[in-house]
Amino acid sequence: MILKRDFEKKYLTNLFYILSPTHLISALSAYFSMQQNEEDKIVILIHWANEEELVLEELNLVIENMVKGVDYVKKIVTISFQEKNRMLYGKKIKSSILRLKTYIGYDNFDMIYYPHDMEGGMFRFICASYPNSERICFGDALGGVFERSYNTRLISQGVIKKIYHYFALKLKEIIAKLSIKTIDLSILLKEITPHKAALIIPVDQSGYFLKNLPLLVCPKEKVQLVINTMNDNLVQINQYIKLLLSEEKIGNRYLLITDNFAEVNIMEFEKEVEMYCSIINDCCPENSVIYLKSHPGEYLPRNQRIKEILSSKYKIIELDIKYKRYPIELWKELLLNVNIICMSSPILTLKYLYNIDVINPMDNKFIEKWFPVYWWNSIKDGISLQLEPLKRLNSWNGQGVLYSGSRE
């Protein structure tokens, strides 16, 4: 299936700034929902703070597989945390901008599509380098939007607060030492707002992000076309899913989508393992088949520990680690043939895409049992951004904001 458009507009160059493969679904959906021309060019820039070069190579391969058949994509570029720092090294911001433009291979972009600006400074570097580009926000997790200041306030507690202020001070020190007079470097620190938003599932965390901002809701048929095109491209995953399902035809089948709370220092590793084992015991009958889908950012032996503890009661199957960076939204055949347990964004995205009701064990009691107290507000806010929109999804007409939060 090849993505096509039927609009006529001037030739545009577009930069997709993405932090994960899921963002590519949103970026392409936003792009094909707007008036574009077949002469357009898309450059995809992949970056995430502190990712190793090897991880970026894996992400590059995943993105290449996902965009097969999309002729408008002309180039995929990966920039590591270390490479970004090398580009910024020195006293002249003009030199840094020139290094970035040379690395990407484009002097100008008409449009920059991006998810959010809580990502370590790369987005601000891009905006400083391409100040005349129109900024289109496609959101996180298929359409969630938030201000950096609001989201930081939720997590800036205890140790997190100390870490945040430490790095903020360090960044200010670095900027002061550069002694640059050619451009206003406040762009590297201040909140950067988009010119418009193009969202699949419009969820406004604070209730203020989308206020007075032009909003385009991506038509569902455009989103489904993007999803179907990507599904058609992922032949190996589809073959792998068929094999999995053919081997386990009898009995209850569950898919547990895990997070990486220990890796991001939200909770201790063994505590997290204990939590998932408790979820399985509570939600799944004995002798069920339990597929474990790792979080893309996982590097601790979570699945192995779960298997060690529960293998006498369940058949635990860890999904092949080489596919862990592919968005769960693209595992359609598996999703339609299992019961899904999840505590994050697929609660909402899978209902929207496939009308799947996910088993979600997370409520206030659960949060207060398993998570450190200084994370309660952030975790509760995060799950509310799935559950509140979910309540409204069936009655939503696909126009306007699905859910808007409010500042406390």
Foldseek 3Di string as FASTA:
>chain_A
DADDADADDDAFEEEEEDAAPVSVLLVQLLVRQDHHDPNYAYEYEYEFAPDDPVLQVLRVVLNVLLCPNHVRYDYYHYAYNVNLVVLVPALELVSSLVVVCVRSVHQEGQEYEYAAPPGQQPVLNVCVSHVNHAYEHAHPLQAEDEWPVVLLVLQLDDPNVVVVVVVVVVVVVVNVVSPYDPDDPCSSPDTDAGQAYEGQAHEYLALPNCVVHHYHHRPVVSSVVSLVSSLVSPVVLVVVLVVVCVVCVDDAEEEEEDEACCVVPFAPLVLSLVLVLVVCVVPDAWAYEYEYQYASPDDDPSLVVNCVVCVVGYRYHYDPPSCNSPDPSNSVVNQVPHAYEYQASCCAVCCVNPVHHHHYPDDLVSCVVRTDPSNSSVSNSRSCSNVVLVVQVVVDPSDDHSYGHHDD
